Amino acid sequence: PRTPMQDKRNLLNVYFVKVAWAWTFLLLLPFIGVTTYQFARS
C-alpha cells in the first residue's frame, strides 16, 4: 500500500538513515567504552 514511507524525504530517512553510521558510531562509542572498562575492572 502507499504510505508516507515511500517518500524519500520522510523524517526517518532524512534524519536517521542518511546518517545511519553517524548515529550508530555515536551511541556505540560510549557504550563500548563504559561497558568494556567496567567489565575489565570488575
Full PDB file with SEQRES, HELIX, SHEET, SSBOND, CRYST1, ORIGX, SCALE, CONECT and MASTER records, all heavy atoms in Angstrom:
SEQRES   1 A   42  PRO ARG THR PRO MET GLN ASP LYS ARG ASN LEU LEU ASN          
SEQRES   2 A   42  VAL TYR PHE VAL LYS VAL ALA TRP ALA TRP THR PHE LEU          
SEQRES   3 A   42  LEU LEU LEU PRO PHE ILE GLY VAL THR THR TYR GLN PHE          
SEQRES   4 A   42  ALA ARG SER                                                  
HELIX    1 AA1 PRO A    4  GLN A    6  5                                   3    
HELIX    2 AA2 LEU A   11  TYR A   15  1                                   5    
HELIX    3 AA3 VAL A   17  VAL A   19  5                                   3    
HELIX    4 AA4 ALA A   20  ARG A   41  1                                  22    
CRYST1    1.000    1.000    1.000  90.00  90.00  90.00 P 1           1          
ORIGX1      1.000000  0.000000  0.000000        0.00000                         
ORIGX2      0.000000  1.000000  0.000000        0.00000                         
ORIGX3      0.000000  0.000000  1.000000        0.00000                         
SCALE1      1.000000  0.000000  0.000000        0.00000                         
SCALE2      0.000000  1.000000  0.000000        0.00000                         
SCALE3      0.000000  0.000000  1.000000        0.00000                         
ATOM      1  N   PRO A   1       0.829  -1.216   0.000  1.00  0.00           N  
ATOM      2  CA  PRO A   1       0.000   0.000   0.000  1.00  0.00           C  
ATOM      3  C   PRO A   1       0.857   1.257   0.000  1.00  0.00           C  
ATOM      4  O   PRO A   1       2.011   1.248   0.442  1.00  0.00           O  
ATOM      5  CB  PRO A   1      -0.787  -0.128   1.308  1.00  0.00           C  
ATOM      6  CG  PRO A   1       0.071  -0.974   2.193  1.00  0.00           C  
ATOM      7  CD  PRO A   1       0.745  -1.957   1.273  1.00  0.00           C  
ATOM      8  N   ARG A   2       0.308   2.322  -0.477  1.00  0.00           N  
ATOM      9  CA  ARG A   2       1.003   3.602  -0.484  1.00  0.00           C  
ATOM     10  C   ARG A   2       1.000   4.188   0.923  1.00  0.00           C  
ATOM     11  O   ARG A   2      -0.036   4.277   1.568  1.00  0.00           O  
ATOM     12  CB  ARG A   2       0.333   4.566  -1.461  1.00  0.00           C  
ATOM     13  CG  ARG A   2       0.369   4.103  -2.917  1.00  0.00           C  
ATOM     14  CD  ARG A   2      -0.300   5.134  -3.827  1.00  0.00           C  
ATOM     15  NE  ARG A   2       0.408   6.402  -3.803  1.00  0.00           N  
ATOM     16  CZ  ARG A   2       1.466   6.680  -4.563  1.00  0.00           C  
ATOM     17  NH1 ARG A   2       1.944   5.777  -5.399  1.00  0.00           N  
ATOM     18  NH2 ARG A   2       2.064   7.852  -4.498  1.00  0.00           N  
ATOM     19  N   THR A   3       2.172   4.583   1.395  1.00  0.00           N  
ATOM     20  CA  THR A   3       2.329   5.186   2.717  1.00  0.00           C  
ATOM     21  C   THR A   3       3.346   6.316   2.624  1.00  0.00           C  
ATOM     22  O   THR A   3       4.090   6.412   1.631  1.00  0.00           O  
ATOM     23  CB  THR A   3       2.823   4.155   3.752  1.00  0.00           C  
ATOM     24  OG1 THR A   3       4.197   3.822   3.455  1.00  0.00           O  
ATOM     25  CG2 THR A   3       1.957   2.894   3.745  1.00  0.00           C  
ATOM     26  N   PRO A   4       3.428   7.172   3.641  1.00  0.00           N  
ATOM     27  CA  PRO A   4       4.437   8.234   3.616  1.00  0.00           C  
ATOM     28  C   PRO A   4       5.877   7.708   3.566  1.00  0.00           C  
ATOM     29  O   PRO A   4       6.787   8.444   3.188  1.00  0.00           O  
ATOM     30  CB  PRO A   4       4.180   8.985   4.931  1.00  0.00           C  
ATOM     31  CG  PRO A   4       2.742   8.720   5.242  1.00  0.00           C  
ATOM     32  CD  PRO A   4       2.491   7.330   4.773  1.00  0.00           C  
ATOM     33  N   MET A   5       6.089   6.438   3.932  1.00  0.00           N  
ATOM     34  CA  MET A   5       7.441   5.903   3.975  1.00  0.00           C  
ATOM     35  C   MET A   5       8.041   5.697   2.580  1.00  0.00           C  
ATOM     36  O   MET A   5       9.244   5.496   2.460  1.00  0.00           O  
ATOM     37  CB  MET A   5       7.463   4.579   4.753  1.00  0.00           C  
ATOM     38  CG  MET A   5       6.980   4.703   6.181  1.00  0.00           C  
ATOM     39  SD  MET A   5       7.766   6.062   7.094  1.00  0.00           S  
ATOM     40  CE  MET A   5       9.468   5.567   7.062  1.00  0.00           C  
ATOM     41  N   GLN A   6       7.220   5.744   1.545  1.00  0.00           N  
ATOM     42  CA  GLN A   6       7.766   5.588   0.202  1.00  0.00           C  
ATOM     43  C   GLN A   6       8.317   6.909  -0.345  1.00  0.00           C  
ATOM     44  O   GLN A   6       8.908   6.943  -1.417  1.00  0.00           O  
ATOM     45  CB  GLN A   6       6.717   5.029  -0.739  1.00  0.00           C  
ATOM     46  CG  GLN A   6       5.543   5.950  -1.028  1.00  0.00           C  
ATOM     47  CD  GLN A   6       4.461   5.242  -1.807  1.00  0.00           C  
ATOM     48  OE1 GLN A   6       3.465   4.783  -1.264  1.00  0.00           O  
ATOM     49  NE2 GLN A   6       4.676   5.120  -3.108  1.00  0.00           N  
ATOM     50  N   ASP A   7       8.136   7.971   0.417  1.00  0.00           N  
ATOM     51  CA  ASP A   7       8.716   9.264   0.070  1.00  0.00           C  
ATOM     52  C   ASP A   7      10.119   9.334   0.672  1.00  0.00           C  
ATOM     53  O   ASP A   7      10.289   9.208   1.888  1.00  0.00           O  
ATOM     54  CB  ASP A   7       7.841  10.392   0.626  1.00  0.00           C  
ATOM     55  CG  ASP A   7       8.347  11.768   0.212  1.00  0.00           C  
ATOM     56  OD1 ASP A   7       9.436  11.862  -0.408  1.00  0.00           O  
ATOM     57  OD2 ASP A   7       7.644  12.755   0.504  1.00  0.00           O  
ATOM     58  N   LYS A   8      11.123   9.529  -0.152  1.00  0.00           N  
ATOM     59  CA  LYS A   8      12.500   9.565   0.326  1.00  0.00           C  
ATOM     60  C   LYS A   8      12.754  10.706   1.302  1.00  0.00           C  
ATOM     61  O   LYS A   8      13.754  10.696   2.021  1.00  0.00           O  
ATOM     62  CB  LYS A   8      13.466   9.673  -0.852  1.00  0.00           C  
ATOM     63  CG  LYS A   8      13.506   8.441  -1.739  1.00  0.00           C  
ATOM     64  CD  LYS A   8      14.527   8.595  -2.845  1.00  0.00           C  
ATOM     65  CE  LYS A   8      14.604   7.351  -3.711  1.00  0.00           C  
ATOM     66  NZ  LYS A   8      15.603   7.460  -4.790  1.00  0.00           N  
ATOM     67  N   ARG A   9      11.846  11.680   1.327  1.00  0.00           N  
ATOM     68  CA  ARG A   9      12.022  12.829   2.219  1.00  0.00           C  
ATOM     69  C   ARG A   9      11.339  12.629   3.569  1.00  0.00           C  
ATOM     70  O   ARG A   9      11.197  13.584   4.335  1.00  0.00           O  
ATOM     71  CB  ARG A   9      11.497  14.099   1.546  1.00  0.00           C  
ATOM     72  CG  ARG A   9      12.292  14.507   0.310  1.00  0.00           C  
ATOM     73  CD  ARG A   9      11.824  15.846  -0.227  1.00  0.00           C  
ATOM     74  NE  ARG A   9      10.430  15.779  -0.673  1.00  0.00           N  
ATOM     75  CZ  ARG A   9      10.053  15.379  -1.872  1.00  0.00           C  
ATOM     76  NH1 ARG A   9      10.961  14.993  -2.752  1.00  0.00           N  
ATOM     77  NH2 ARG A   9       8.782  15.354  -2.210  1.00  0.00           N  
ATOM     78  N   ASN A  10      10.919  11.396   3.891  1.00  0.00           N  
ATOM     79  CA  ASN A  10      10.296  11.181   5.196  1.00  0.00           C  
ATOM     80  C   ASN A  10      11.320  11.405   6.308  1.00  0.00           C  
ATOM     81  O   ASN A  10      12.532  11.271   6.103  1.00  0.00           O  
ATOM     82  CB  ASN A  10       9.681   9.779   5.280  1.00  0.00           C  
ATOM     83  CG  ASN A  10      10.721   8.672   5.292  1.00  0.00           C  
ATOM     84  OD1 ASN A  10      11.380   8.430   6.291  1.00  0.00           O  
ATOM     85  ND2 ASN A  10      10.868   7.995   4.150  1.00  0.00           N  
ATOM     86  N   LEU A  11      10.848  11.734   7.486  1.00  0.00           N  
ATOM     87  CA  LEU A  11      11.717  12.167   8.578  1.00  0.00           C  
ATOM     88  C   LEU A  11      12.751  11.118   8.971  1.00  0.00           C  
ATOM     89  O   LEU A  11      13.916  11.440   9.223  1.00  0.00           O  
ATOM     90  CB  LEU A  11      10.874  12.549   9.800  1.00  0.00           C  
ATOM     91  CG  LEU A  11       9.969  13.776   9.631  1.00  0.00           C  
ATOM     92  CD1 LEU A  11       9.171  14.032  10.905  1.00  0.00           C  
ATOM     93  CD2 LEU A  11      10.786  15.004   9.268  1.00  0.00           C  
ATOM     94  N   LEU A  12      12.331   9.861   9.053  1.00  0.00           N  
ATOM     95  CA  LEU A  12      13.267   8.812   9.452  1.00  0.00           C  
ATOM     96  C   LEU A  12      14.399   8.665   8.439  1.00  0.00           C  
ATOM     97  O   LEU A  12      15.552   8.444   8.816  1.00  0.00           O  
ATOM     98  CB  LEU A  12      12.541   7.482   9.625  1.00  0.00           C  
ATOM     99  CG  LEU A  12      11.653   7.347  10.864  1.00  0.00           C  
ATOM    100  CD1 LEU A  12      10.972   5.981  10.887  1.00  0.00           C  
ATOM    101  CD2 LEU A  12      12.465   7.550  12.145  1.00  0.00           C  
ATOM    102  N   ASN A  13      14.068   8.803   7.180  1.00  0.00           N  
ATOM    103  CA  ASN A  13      15.094   8.656   6.154  1.00  0.00           C  
ATOM    104  C   ASN A  13      16.051   9.844   6.158  1.00  0.00           C  
ATOM    105  O   ASN A  13      17.271   9.669   6.066  1.00  0.00           O  
ATOM    106  CB  ASN A  13      14.447   8.520   4.773  1.00  0.00           C  
ATOM    107  CG  ASN A  13      15.443   8.075   3.713  1.00  0.00           C  
ATOM    108  OD1 ASN A  13      16.100   7.058   3.873  1.00  0.00           O  
ATOM    109  ND2 ASN A  13      15.561   8.839   2.642  1.00  0.00           N  
ATOM    110  N   VAL A  14      15.507  11.042   6.293  1.00  0.00           N  
ATOM    111  CA  VAL A  14      16.328  12.247   6.229  1.00  0.00           C  
ATOM    112  C   VAL A  14      17.219  12.396   7.459  1.00  0.00           C  
ATOM    113  O   VAL A  14      18.416  12.694   7.348  1.00  0.00           O  
ATOM    114  CB  VAL A  14      15.440  13.497   6.058  1.00  0.00           C  
ATOM    115  CG1 VAL A  14      16.274  14.767   6.185  1.00  0.00           C  
ATOM    116  CG2 VAL A  14      14.736  13.463   4.709  1.00  0.00           C  
ATOM    117  N   TYR A  15      16.641  12.174   8.655  1.00  0.00           N  
ATOM    118  CA  TYR A  15      17.368  12.465   9.889  1.00  0.00           C  
ATOM    119  C   TYR A  15      18.029  11.241  10.526  1.00  0.00           C  
ATOM    120  O   TYR A  15      18.807  11.392  11.477  1.00  0.00           O  
ATOM    121  CB  TYR A  15      16.436  13.124  10.901  1.00  0.00           C  
ATOM    122  CG  TYR A  15      15.979  14.498  10.460  1.00  0.00           C  
ATOM    123  CD1 TYR A  15      14.688  14.703   9.990  1.00  0.00           C  
ATOM    124  CD2 TYR A  15      16.857  15.575  10.487  1.00  0.00           C  
ATOM    125  CE1 TYR A  15      14.269  15.967   9.569  1.00  0.00           C  
ATOM    126  CE2 TYR A  15      16.452  16.834  10.073  1.00  0.00           C  
ATOM    127  CZ  TYR A  15      15.156  17.023   9.621  1.00  0.00           C  
ATOM    128  OH  TYR A  15      14.751  18.267   9.195  1.00  0.00           O  
ATOM    129  N   PHE A  16      17.730  10.055  10.045  1.00  0.00           N  
ATOM    130  CA  PHE A  16      18.358   8.866  10.613  1.00  0.00           C  
ATOM    131  C   PHE A  16      19.124   8.057   9.562  1.00  0.00           C  
ATOM    132  O   PHE A  16      20.328   7.871   9.678  1.00  0.00           O  
ATOM    133  CB  PHE A  16      17.303   7.986  11.301  1.00  0.00           C  
ATOM    134  CG  PHE A  16      16.879   8.509  12.641  1.00  0.00           C  
ATOM    135  CD1 PHE A  16      15.816   9.390  12.759  1.00  0.00           C  
ATOM    136  CD2 PHE A  16      17.544   8.124  13.795  1.00  0.00           C  
ATOM    137  CE1 PHE A  16      15.430   9.883  13.994  1.00  0.00           C  
ATOM    138  CE2 PHE A  16      17.178   8.613  15.032  1.00  0.00           C  
ATOM    139  CZ  PHE A  16      16.110   9.494  15.140  1.00  0.00           C  
ATOM    140  N   VAL A  17      18.425   7.565   8.543  1.00  0.00           N  
ATOM    141  CA  VAL A  17      19.062   6.671   7.583  1.00  0.00           C  
ATOM    142  C   VAL A  17      20.189   7.364   6.829  1.00  0.00           C  
ATOM    143  O   VAL A  17      21.246   6.763   6.575  1.00  0.00           O  
ATOM    144  CB  VAL A  17      18.023   6.090   6.606  1.00  0.00           C  
ATOM    145  CG1 VAL A  17      18.694   5.193   5.571  1.00  0.00           C  
ATOM    146  CG2 VAL A  17      16.970   5.295   7.376  1.00  0.00           C  
ATOM    147  N   LYS A  18      19.993   8.601   6.441  1.00  0.00           N  
ATOM    148  CA  LYS A  18      21.020   9.323   5.682  1.00  0.00           C  
ATOM    149  C   LYS A  18      22.325   9.453   6.474  1.00  0.00           C  
ATOM    150  O   LYS A  18      23.400   9.606   5.892  1.00  0.00           O  
ATOM    151  CB  LYS A  18      20.515  10.715   5.301  1.00  0.00           C  
ATOM    152  CG  LYS A  18      19.374  10.710   4.281  1.00  0.00           C  
ATOM    153  CD  LYS A  18      19.814  10.205   2.927  1.00  0.00           C  
ATOM    154  CE  LYS A  18      18.710  10.324   1.904  1.00  0.00           C  
ATOM    155  NZ  LYS A  18      19.108   9.778   0.571  1.00  0.00           N  
ATOM    156  N   VAL A  19      22.224   9.407   7.788  1.00  0.00           N  
ATOM    157  CA  VAL A  19      23.415   9.482   8.643  1.00  0.00           C  
ATOM    158  C   VAL A  19      23.438   8.272   9.584  1.00  0.00           C  
ATOM    159  O   VAL A  19      23.781   8.390  10.759  1.00  0.00           O  
ATOM    160  CB  VAL A  19      23.451  10.804   9.440  1.00  0.00           C  
ATOM    161  CG1 VAL A  19      23.812  11.967   8.545  1.00  0.00           C  
ATOM    162  CG2 VAL A  19      22.101  11.074  10.134  1.00  0.00           C  
ATOM    163  N   ALA A  20      23.102   7.108   9.039  1.00  0.00           N  
ATOM    164  CA  ALA A  20      22.961   5.903   9.865  1.00  0.00           C  
ATOM    165  C   ALA A  20      24.253   5.538  10.573  1.00  0.00           C  
ATOM    166  O   ALA A  20      24.243   5.176  11.757  1.00  0.00           O  
ATOM    167  CB  ALA A  20      22.481   4.731   8.996  1.00  0.00           C  
ATOM    168  N   TRP A  21      25.362   5.635   9.869  1.00  0.00           N  
ATOM    169  CA  TRP A  21      26.619   5.260  10.517  1.00  0.00           C  
ATOM    170  C   TRP A  21      26.981   6.242  11.624  1.00  0.00           C  
ATOM    171  O   TRP A  21      27.539   5.843  12.657  1.00  0.00           O  
ATOM    172  CB  TRP A  21      27.757   5.164   9.503  1.00  0.00           C  
ATOM    173  CG  TRP A  21      29.039   4.772  10.175  1.00  0.00           C  
ATOM    174  CD1 TRP A  21      30.170   5.506  10.289  1.00  0.00           C  
ATOM    175  CD2 TRP A  21      29.294   3.541  10.874  1.00  0.00           C  
ATOM    176  NE1 TRP A  21      31.124   4.826  11.008  1.00  0.00           N  
ATOM    177  CE2 TRP A  21      30.612   3.621  11.380  1.00  0.00           C  
ATOM    178  CE3 TRP A  21      28.537   2.398  11.120  1.00  0.00           C  
ATOM    179  CZ2 TRP A  21      31.188   2.573  12.121  1.00  0.00           C  
ATOM    180  CZ3 TRP A  21      29.104   1.363  11.860  1.00  0.00           C  
ATOM    181  CH2 TRP A  21      30.411   1.468  12.346  1.00  0.00           C  
ATOM    182  N   ALA A  22      26.677   7.516  11.450  1.00  0.00           N  
ATOM    183  CA  ALA A  22      26.974   8.504  12.491  1.00  0.00           C  
ATOM    184  C   ALA A  22      26.194   8.193  13.766  1.00  0.00           C  
ATOM    185  O   ALA A  22      26.743   8.231  14.872  1.00  0.00           O  
ATOM    186  CB  ALA A  22      26.636   9.910  11.997  1.00  0.00           C  
ATOM    187  N   TRP A  23      24.883   7.887  13.639  1.00  0.00           N  
ATOM    188  CA  TRP A  23      24.082   7.521  14.807  1.00  0.00           C  
ATOM    189  C   TRP A  23      24.650   6.271  15.485  1.00  0.00           C  
ATOM    190  O   TRP A  23      24.771   6.215  16.721  1.00  0.00           O  
ATOM    191  CB  TRP A  23      22.634   7.270  14.402  1.00  0.00           C  
ATOM    192  CG  TRP A  23      21.809   8.500  14.255  1.00  0.00           C  
ATOM    193  CD1 TRP A  23      21.348   9.050  13.091  1.00  0.00           C  
ATOM    194  CD2 TRP A  23      21.312   9.345  15.307  1.00  0.00           C  
ATOM    195  NE1 TRP A  23      20.612  10.179  13.346  1.00  0.00           N  
ATOM    196  CE2 TRP A  23      20.566  10.386  14.698  1.00  0.00           C  
ATOM    197  CE3 TRP A  23      21.434   9.315  16.695  1.00  0.00           C  
ATOM    198  CZ2 TRP A  23      19.947  11.382  15.441  1.00  0.00           C  
ATOM    199  CZ3 TRP A  23      20.816  10.321  17.442  1.00  0.00           C  
ATOM    200  CH2 TRP A  23      20.086  11.330  16.814  1.00  0.00           C  
ATOM    201  N   THR A  24      24.962   5.271  14.686  1.00  0.00           N  
ATOM    202  CA  THR A  24      25.491   4.022  15.236  1.00  0.00           C  
ATOM    203  C   THR A  24      26.813   4.266  15.943  1.00  0.00           C  
ATOM    204  O   THR A  24      27.040   3.766  17.063  1.00  0.00           O  
ATOM    205  CB  THR A  24      25.683   2.995  14.101  1.00  0.00           C  
ATOM    206  OG1 THR A  24      24.431   2.784  13.442  1.00  0.00           O  
ATOM    207  CG2 THR A  24      26.189   1.670  14.640  1.00  0.00           C  
ATOM    208  N   PHE A  25      27.691   5.026  15.333  1.00  0.00           N  
ATOM    209  CA  PHE A  25      29.006   5.321  15.898  1.00  0.00           C  
ATOM    210  C   PHE A  25      28.872   6.087  17.215  1.00  0.00           C  
ATOM    211  O   PHE A  25      29.507   5.737  18.223  1.00  0.00           O  
ATOM    212  CB  PHE A  25      29.809   6.134  14.889  1.00  0.00           C  
ATOM    213  CG  PHE A  25      31.250   6.341  15.263  1.00  0.00           C  
ATOM    214  CD1 PHE A  25      32.243   5.566  14.701  1.00  0.00           C  
ATOM    215  CD2 PHE A  25      31.612   7.339  16.170  1.00  0.00           C  
ATOM    216  CE1 PHE A  25      33.579   5.758  15.030  1.00  0.00           C  
ATOM    217  CE2 PHE A  25      32.933   7.532  16.511  1.00  0.00           C  
ATOM    218  CZ  PHE A  25      33.929   6.745  15.951  1.00  0.00           C  
ATOM    219  N   LEU A  26      28.033   7.114  17.221  1.00  0.00           N  
ATOM    220  CA  LEU A  26      27.929   7.989  18.394  1.00  0.00           C  
ATOM    221  C   LEU A  26      27.339   7.274  19.609  1.00  0.00           C  
ATOM    222  O   LEU A  26      27.689   7.591  20.753  1.00  0.00           O  
ATOM    223  CB  LEU A  26      27.088   9.224  18.050  1.00  0.00           C  
ATOM    224  CG  LEU A  26      27.746  10.220  17.097  1.00  0.00           C  
ATOM    225  CD1 LEU A  26      26.776  11.336  16.736  1.00  0.00           C  
ATOM    226  CD2 LEU A  26      29.015  10.805  17.716  1.00  0.00           C  
ATOM    227  N   LEU A  27      26.455   6.312  19.401  1.00  0.00           N  
ATOM    228  CA  LEU A  27      25.886   5.572  20.529  1.00  0.00           C  
ATOM    229  C   LEU A  27      26.768   4.403  20.960  1.00  0.00           C  
ATOM    230  O   LEU A  27      26.874   4.104  22.155  1.00  0.00           O  
ATOM    231  CB  LEU A  27      24.480   5.081  20.186  1.00  0.00           C  
ATOM    232  CG  LEU A  27      23.385   6.142  20.192  1.00  0.00           C  
ATOM    233  CD1 LEU A  27      22.051   5.538  19.795  1.00  0.00           C  
ATOM    234  CD2 LEU A  27      23.272   6.808  21.562  1.00  0.00           C  
ATOM    235  N   LEU A  28      27.399   3.742  20.002  1.00  0.00           N  
ATOM    236  CA  LEU A  28      28.253   2.614  20.364  1.00  0.00           C  
ATOM    237  C   LEU A  28      29.551   3.067  21.037  1.00  0.00           C  
ATOM    238  O   LEU A  28      30.111   2.341  21.865  1.00  0.00           O  
ATOM    239  CB  LEU A  28      28.592   1.783  19.130  1.00  0.00           C  
ATOM    240  CG  LEU A  28      27.531   0.782  18.664  1.00  0.00           C  
ATOM    241  CD1 LEU A  28      28.019   0.038  17.427  1.00  0.00           C  
ATOM    242  CD2 LEU A  28      27.182  -0.212  19.771  1.00  0.00           C  
ATOM    243  N   LEU A  29      30.037   4.248  20.687  1.00  0.00           N  
ATOM    244  CA  LEU A  29      31.303   4.736  21.258  1.00  0.00           C  
ATOM    245  C   LEU A  29      31.266   4.763  22.789  1.00  0.00           C  
ATOM    246  O   LEU A  29      32.111   4.123  23.438  1.00  0.00           O  
ATOM    247  CB  LEU A  29      31.642   6.108  20.683  1.00  0.00           C  
ATOM    248  CG  LEU A  29      32.931   6.752  21.200  1.00  0.00           C  
ATOM    249  CD1 LEU A  29      34.144   5.941  20.770  1.00  0.00           C  
ATOM    250  CD2 LEU A  29      33.052   8.187  20.688  1.00  0.00           C  
ATOM    251  N   PRO A  30      30.310   5.460  23.420  1.00  0.00           N  
ATOM    252  CA  PRO A  30      30.289   5.437  24.887  1.00  0.00           C  
ATOM    253  C   PRO A  30      29.866   4.084  25.453  1.00  0.00           C  
ATOM    254  O   PRO A  30      30.346   3.681  26.520  1.00  0.00           O  
ATOM    255  CB  PRO A  30      29.276   6.532  25.247  1.00  0.00           C  
ATOM    256  CG  PRO A  30      28.400   6.656  24.050  1.00  0.00           C  
ATOM    257  CD  PRO A  30      29.280   6.372  22.871  1.00  0.00           C  
ATOM    258  N   PHE A  31      28.979   3.380  24.753  1.00  0.00           N  
ATOM    259  CA  PHE A  31      28.524   2.078  25.261  1.00  0.00           C  
ATOM    260  C   PHE A  31      29.676   1.081  25.338  1.00  0.00           C  
ATOM    261  O   PHE A  31      29.882   0.426  26.368  1.00  0.00           O  
ATOM    262  CB  PHE A  31      27.418   1.532  24.368  1.00  0.00           C  
ATOM    263  CG  PHE A  31      26.867   0.209  24.824  1.00  0.00           C  
ATOM    264  CD1 PHE A  31      25.908   0.162  25.824  1.00  0.00           C  
ATOM    265  CD2 PHE A  31      27.317  -0.981  24.267  1.00  0.00           C  
ATOM    266  CE1 PHE A  31      25.410  -1.056  26.263  1.00  0.00           C  
ATOM    267  CE2 PHE A  31      26.819  -2.202  24.692  1.00  0.00           C  
ATOM    268  CZ  PHE A  31      25.859  -2.237  25.695  1.00  0.00           C  
ATOM    269  N   ILE A  32      30.448   0.967  24.257  1.00  0.00           N  
ATOM    270  CA  ILE A  32      31.588   0.052  24.260  1.00  0.00           C  
ATOM    271  C   ILE A  32      32.623   0.490  25.287  1.00  0.00           C  
ATOM    272  O   ILE A  32      33.167  -0.331  26.034  1.00  0.00           O  
ATOM    273  CB  ILE A  32      32.226  -0.025  22.855  1.00  0.00           C  
ATOM    274  CG1 ILE A  32      31.258  -0.665  21.864  1.00  0.00           C  
ATOM    275  CG2 ILE A  32      33.528  -0.815  22.896  1.00  0.00           C  
ATOM    276  CD1 ILE A  32      31.753  -0.640  20.419  1.00  0.00           C  
ATOM    277  N   GLY A  33      32.884   1.794  25.341  1.00  0.00           N  
ATOM    278  CA  GLY A  33      33.884   2.296  26.273  1.00  0.00           C  
ATOM    279  C   GLY A  33      33.534   2.013  27.724  1.00  0.00           C  
ATOM    280  O   GLY A  33      34.338   1.462  28.484  1.00  0.00           O  
ATOM    281  N   VAL A  34      32.320   2.360  28.123  1.00  0.00           N  
ATOM    282  CA  VAL A  34      31.911   2.209  29.525  1.00  0.00           C  
ATOM    283  C   VAL A  34      31.793   0.743  29.916  1.00  0.00           C  
ATOM    284  O   VAL A  34      32.308   0.316  30.959  1.00  0.00           O  
ATOM    285  CB  VAL A  34      30.568   2.940  29.763  1.00  0.00           C  
ATOM    286  CG1 VAL A  34      30.014   2.592  31.144  1.00  0.00           C  
ATOM    287  CG2 VAL A  34      30.757   4.448  29.638  1.00  0.00           C  
ATOM    288  N   THR A  35      31.110  -0.052  29.107  1.00  0.00           N  
ATOM    289  CA  THR A  35      30.886  -1.452  29.469  1.00  0.00           C  
ATOM    290  C   THR A  35      32.182  -2.265  29.453  1.00  0.00           C  
ATOM    291  O   THR A  35      32.388  -3.108  30.336  1.00  0.00           O  
ATOM    292  CB  THR A  35      29.864  -2.102  28.521  1.00  0.00           C  
ATOM    293  OG1 THR A  35      30.298  -1.963  27.159  1.00  0.00           O  
ATOM    294  CG2 THR A  35      28.497  -1.462  28.690  1.00  0.00           C  
ATOM    295  N   THR A  36      33.053  -2.015  28.485  1.00  0.00           N  
ATOM    296  CA  THR A  36      34.313  -2.759  28.433  1.00  0.00           C  
ATOM    297  C   THR A  36      35.202  -2.408  29.615  1.00  0.00           C  
ATOM    298  O   THR A  36      35.816  -3.293  30.235  1.00  0.00           O  
ATOM    299  CB  THR A  36      35.057  -2.462  27.112  1.00  0.00           C  
ATOM    300  OG1 THR A  36      34.216  -2.797  26.009  1.00  0.00           O  
ATOM    301  CG2 THR A  36      36.331  -3.274  27.020  1.00  0.00           C  
ATOM    302  N   TYR A  37      35.285  -1.138  29.961  1.00  0.00           N  
ATOM    303  CA  TYR A  37      36.092  -0.713  31.109  1.00  0.00           C  
ATOM    304  C   TYR A  37      35.568  -1.328  32.396  1.00  0.00           C  
ATOM    305  O   TYR A  37      36.337  -1.863  33.212  1.00  0.00           O  
ATOM    306  CB  TYR A  37      36.102   0.808  31.203  1.00  0.00           C  
ATOM    307  CG  TYR A  37      37.005   1.338  32.295  1.00  0.00           C  
ATOM    308  CD1 TYR A  37      38.373   1.506  32.045  1.00  0.00           C  
ATOM    309  CD2 TYR A  37      36.505   1.669  33.544  1.00  0.00           C  
ATOM    310  CE1 TYR A  37      39.214   1.993  33.045  1.00  0.00           C  
ATOM    311  CE2 TYR A  37      37.340   2.149  34.547  1.00  0.00           C  
ATOM    312  CZ  TYR A  37      38.696   2.314  34.293  1.00  0.00           C  
ATOM    313  OH  TYR A  37      39.529   2.783  35.281  1.00  0.00           O  
ATOM    314  N   GLN A  38      34.248  -1.264  32.586  1.00  0.00           N  
ATOM    315  CA  GLN A  38      33.653  -1.820  33.791  1.00  0.00           C  
ATOM    316  C   GLN A  38      33.864  -3.332  33.871  1.00  0.00           C  
ATOM    317  O   GLN A  38      34.161  -3.878  34.930  1.00  0.00           O  
ATOM    318  CB  GLN A  38      32.151  -1.501  33.821  1.00  0.00           C  
ATOM    319  CG  GLN A  38      31.387  -2.097  35.002  1.00  0.00           C  
ATOM    320  CD  GLN A  38      31.813  -1.527  36.340  1.00  0.00           C  
ATOM    321  OE1 GLN A  38      32.474  -0.481  36.390  1.00  0.00           O  
ATOM    322  NE2 GLN A  38      31.442  -2.201  37.425  1.00  0.00           N  
ATOM    323  N   PHE A  39      33.725  -4.007  32.739  1.00  0.00           N  
ATOM    324  CA  PHE A  39      33.899  -5.456  32.737  1.00  0.00           C  
ATOM    325  C   PHE A  39      35.345  -5.827  33.050  1.00  0.00           C  
ATOM    326  O   PHE A  39      35.607  -6.759  33.826  1.00  0.00           O  
ATOM    327  CB  PHE A  39      33.489  -6.034  31.376  1.00  0.00           C  
ATOM    328  CG  PHE A  39      33.249  -7.510  31.412  1.00  0.00           C  
ATOM    329  CD1 PHE A  39      31.972  -8.016  31.597  1.00  0.00           C  
ATOM    330  CD2 PHE A  39      34.295  -8.402  31.282  1.00  0.00           C  
ATOM    331  CE1 PHE A  39      31.749  -9.376  31.653  1.00  0.00           C  
ATOM    332  CE2 PHE A  39      34.085  -9.763  31.330  1.00  0.00           C  
ATOM    333  CZ  PHE A  39      32.808 -10.252  31.515  1.00  0.00           C  
ATOM    334  N   ALA A  40      36.299  -5.113  32.457  1.00  0.00           N  
ATOM    335  CA  ALA A  40      37.712  -5.403  32.685  1.00  0.00           C  
ATOM    336  C   ALA A  40      38.095  -5.183  34.143  1.00  0.00           C  
ATOM    337  O   ALA A  40      38.873  -5.963  34.719  1.00  0.00           O  
ATOM    338  CB  ALA A  40      38.580  -4.538  31.776  1.00  0.00           C  
ATOM    339  N   ARG A  41      37.539  -4.147  34.768  1.00  0.00           N  
ATOM    340  CA  ARG A  41      37.870  -3.857  36.165  1.00  0.00           C  
ATOM    341  C   ARG A  41      37.201  -4.824  37.130  1.00  0.00           C  
ATOM    342  O   ARG A  41      37.822  -5.277  38.099  1.00  0.00           O  
ATOM    343  CB  ARG A  41      37.446  -2.418  36.514  1.00  0.00           C  
ATOM    344  CG  ARG A  41      38.198  -1.324  35.803  1.00  0.00           C  
ATOM    345  CD  ARG A  41      39.697  -1.319  36.132  1.00  0.00           C  
ATOM    346  NE  ARG A  41      39.945  -1.197  37.547  1.00  0.00           N  
ATOM    347  CZ  ARG A  41      40.026  -0.035  38.199  1.00  0.00           C  
ATOM    348  NH1 ARG A  41      39.853   1.102  37.528  1.00  0.00           N  
ATOM    349  NH2 ARG A  41      40.291  -0.003  39.480  1.00  0.00           N  
ATOM    350  N   SER A  42      35.927  -5.164  36.870  1.00  0.00           N  
ATOM    351  CA  SER A  42      35.168  -5.960  37.841  1.00  0.00           C  
ATOM    352  C   SER A  42      35.399  -7.461  37.691  1.00  0.00           C  
ATOM    353  O   SER A  42      35.441  -8.184  38.689  1.00  0.00           O  
ATOM    354  CB  SER A  42      33.676  -5.661  37.710  1.00  0.00           C  
ATOM    355  OG  SER A  42      33.198  -6.028  36.431  1.00  0.00           O  
TER     356      SER A  42                                                      
MASTER        0    0    0    4    0    0    0    6  355    1    0    4          
END                                                                             
